[in-house]
């Protein structure tokens, strides 16, 4: 039934959000598109690192934090020390120096959960405002088309136009 489908979609959307919702919108993960070589050779410019927040971070964990001393940029480096006052010292794997910040656990966005080589390039393309607008339009068009298909056979209601396809932003319609 329609209610069961809507409930299933809602549950799936909630599960996806709890698994991969971006922290900038209240979700549990931080998406980092890398642009430097400080974590090479394993992580290269243009890679995507997905970090999940956790209650505990250890020496050796690669994690994400926002650097106050570097103008608020997001940094993905490895934890090399934890001080007695619970401040974390970070260092890029390829760097010969320690990071200037020593964030607390509350300032760490998350530990590396997933690394996708080249994924940052694709994320930047998808997150482009024009591409997001096109995706939103196509989603609305698909919802409209699905709604038009719900008219039951034999209905005495006046026939509504049905969207058959969307090509280059122009819907082509046909009466039922």
Protein backbone atom coordinates (compact mmCIF):
# COMPACT_ATOMS: atom_id res chain seq x y z
CA UNK A 1 0.00 0.00 0.00
CA UNK A 2 0.95 3.62 -0.34
CA UNK A 3 1.31 4.09 3.43
CA UNK A 4 3.63 1.09 3.73
CA UNK A 5 5.79 2.39 0.88
CA UNK A 6 6.01 5.83 2.48
CA UNK A 7 6.92 4.27 5.85
CA UNK A 8 9.60 2.09 4.24
CA UNK A 9 11.09 5.11 2.44
CA UNK A 10 11.03 7.08 5.70
CA UNK A 11 12.79 4.31 7.62
CA UNK A 12 15.40 3.91 4.85
CA UNK A 13 16.01 7.68 4.78
CA UNK A 14 16.39 7.77 8.58
CA UNK A 15 18.82 4.84 8.51
CA UNK A 16 20.85 6.52 5.76
CA UNK A 17 20.90 9.77 7.74
CA UNK A 18 22.03 8.02 10.94
CA UNK A 19 24.76 6.26 8.98
CA UNK A 20 26.02 9.03 6.69
CA UNK A 21 24.35 12.39 7.42
CA UNK A 22 26.87 15.25 7.24
CA UNK A 23 27.87 16.85 10.56
CA UNK A 24 27.31 20.32 9.09
CA UNK A 25 23.60 19.44 9.03
CA UNK A 26 23.52 17.60 12.37
CA UNK A 27 24.57 14.15 11.12
CA UNK A 28 27.28 11.89 12.55
CA UNK A 29 29.96 12.13 9.83
CA UNK A 30 32.37 14.68 8.44
CA UNK A 31 33.27 14.59 4.74
CA UNK A 32 36.79 15.79 3.93
CA UNK A 33 38.00 16.35 0.39
CA UNK A 34 41.77 16.35 0.73
CA UNK A 35 43.91 18.90 -1.06
CA UNK A 36 47.40 18.63 0.44
CA UNK A 37 50.08 15.96 0.55
CA UNK A 38 50.60 15.87 4.33
CA UNK A 39 49.08 12.38 4.61
CA UNK A 40 50.82 10.88 1.57
CA UNK A 41 51.53 8.37 0.28
CA UNK A 42 48.31 6.72 1.51
CA UNK A 43 46.04 9.75 1.11
CA UNK A 44 46.45 11.91 -2.00
CA UNK A 45 44.99 15.29 -3.05
CA UNK A 46 41.42 14.82 -4.26
CA UNK A 47 40.69 11.79 -2.05
CA UNK A 48 37.58 11.66 0.13
CA UNK A 49 37.89 10.83 3.81
CA UNK A 50 34.73 10.18 5.78
CA UNK A 51 35.20 10.54 9.54
CA UNK A 52 32.75 9.45 12.25
CA UNK A 53 32.66 10.96 15.72
CA UNK A 54 33.51 8.61 18.57
CA UNK A 55 33.82 8.80 22.34
CA UNK A 56 37.50 7.87 22.35
CA UNK A 57 40.53 8.69 20.22
CA UNK A 58 43.93 7.02 20.50
CA UNK A 59 47.47 7.63 19.38
CA UNK A 60 47.70 6.34 15.81
CA UNK A 61 44.13 7.30 14.83
CA UNK A 62 43.81 9.50 11.75
CA UNK A 63 41.20 12.10 12.68
CA UNK A 64 39.61 15.37 11.59
CA UNK A 65 39.52 18.67 13.48
CA UNK A 66 39.06 22.35 12.64
CA UNK A 67 42.29 24.30 13.20
CA UNK A 68 41.81 27.60 15.02
CA UNK A 69 45.44 28.58 14.46
CA UNK A 70 45.23 27.96 10.70
CA UNK A 71 42.16 30.12 10.11
CA UNK A 72 39.48 27.50 10.74
CA UNK A 73 40.48 25.03 8.01
CA UNK A 74 39.57 21.38 8.43
CA UNK A 75 42.65 19.24 9.07
CA UNK A 76 42.95 15.48 8.57
CA UNK A 77 46.09 14.24 10.37
CA UNK A 78 47.20 11.47 12.70
CA UNK A 79 47.12 11.67 16.51
CA UNK A 80 50.70 11.27 17.78
CA UNK A 81 50.24 12.13 21.46
CA UNK A 82 47.63 12.78 24.13
CA UNK A 83 48.65 15.08 26.97
CA UNK A 84 47.69 14.52 30.63
CA UNK A 85 45.18 17.38 30.32
CA UNK A 86 43.47 15.50 27.41
CA UNK A 87 44.79 17.62 24.55
CA UNK A 88 45.59 15.83 21.32
CA UNK A 89 48.74 16.42 19.29
CA UNK A 90 48.42 15.84 15.53
CA UNK A 91 50.92 15.42 12.72
CA UNK A 92 50.60 14.75 9.01
CA UNK A 93 52.20 11.41 8.06
CA UNK A 94 54.48 13.14 5.53
CA UNK A 95 55.20 16.21 7.69
CA UNK A 96 58.35 16.72 9.74
CA UNK A 97 56.55 18.95 12.27
CA UNK A 98 53.62 18.80 14.69
CA UNK A 99 50.38 20.69 14.07
CA UNK A 100 50.17 24.01 15.96
CA UNK A 101 46.75 23.19 17.46
CA UNK A 102 46.17 20.79 20.34
CA UNK A 103 42.41 20.22 20.27
CA UNK A 104 40.37 18.60 23.02
CA UNK A 105 38.10 15.62 22.35
CA UNK A 106 35.14 18.00 21.91
CA UNK A 107 36.99 19.78 19.10
CA UNK A 108 37.68 16.61 17.11
CA UNK A 109 35.09 15.96 14.39
CA UNK A 110 35.78 12.26 13.97
CA UNK A 111 38.12 9.37 13.26
CA UNK A 112 38.72 8.10 9.73
CA UNK A 113 35.92 5.68 8.90
CA UNK A 114 36.23 5.39 5.13
CA UNK A 115 38.82 6.50 2.57
CA UNK A 116 37.80 6.78 -1.10
CA UNK A 117 40.68 7.52 -3.49
CA UNK A 118 39.60 10.29 -5.89
CA UNK A 119 36.22 10.58 -4.13
CA UNK A 120 36.78 14.19 -3.10
CA UNK A 121 36.86 15.27 -6.73
CA UNK A 122 33.45 13.65 -7.31
CA UNK A 123 32.00 15.08 -4.11
CA UNK A 124 33.02 18.59 -5.20
CA UNK A 125 31.34 18.05 -8.58
CA UNK A 126 28.14 16.80 -6.97
CA UNK A 127 28.09 19.62 -4.41
CA UNK A 128 28.31 22.26 -7.16
CA UNK A 129 25.19 24.49 -6.81
CA UNK A 130 24.19 24.03 -10.47
CA UNK A 131 24.42 20.26 -10.19
CA UNK A 132 22.43 20.29 -6.94
CA UNK A 133 19.73 22.39 -8.60
CA UNK A 134 19.49 19.96 -11.53
CA UNK A 135 19.30 17.00 -9.11
CA UNK A 136 16.55 18.73 -7.10
CA UNK A 137 14.59 19.44 -10.29
CA UNK A 138 14.90 15.82 -11.43
CA UNK A 139 13.80 14.59 -7.99
CA UNK A 140 10.71 16.82 -8.05
CA UNK A 141 9.94 15.70 -11.61
CA UNK A 142 10.26 12.04 -10.58
CA UNK A 143 7.93 12.58 -7.61
CA UNK A 144 5.41 14.32 -9.89
CA UNK A 145 5.61 11.44 -12.36
CA UNK A 146 5.13 8.85 -9.60
CA UNK A 147 2.14 10.79 -8.24
CA UNK A 148 0.59 10.95 -11.71
CA UNK A 149 0.87 7.16 -11.99
CA UNK A 150 -1.25 6.65 -8.85
CA UNK A 151 -4.52 7.45 -10.65
CA UNK A 152 -6.49 4.25 -10.46
CA UNK A 153 -7.88 2.50 -13.51
CA UNK A 154 -11.59 3.01 -14.04
CA UNK A 155 -11.66 6.24 -12.06
CA UNK A 156 -14.37 8.66 -13.07
CA UNK A 157 -12.11 11.58 -12.21
CA UNK A 158 -11.01 13.81 -15.04
CA UNK A 159 -7.81 12.59 -16.68
CA UNK A 160 -4.68 14.43 -15.60
CA UNK A 161 -1.57 14.86 -17.70
CA UNK A 162 1.05 12.22 -17.00
CA UNK A 163 4.73 13.03 -17.17
CA UNK A 164 6.40 10.44 -19.36
CA UNK A 165 9.92 11.73 -19.31
CA UNK A 166 12.03 14.77 -18.63
CA UNK A 167 14.60 15.66 -21.26
CA UNK A 168 16.82 18.71 -20.84
CA UNK A 169 14.40 20.12 -18.27
CA UNK A 170 11.31 19.93 -20.54
CA UNK A 171 8.57 17.53 -19.42
CA UNK A 172 6.71 15.69 -22.15
CA UNK A 173 3.13 14.89 -21.18
CA UNK A 174 0.36 12.67 -22.47
CA UNK A 175 -3.25 12.53 -21.25
CA UNK A 176 -4.27 9.29 -19.56
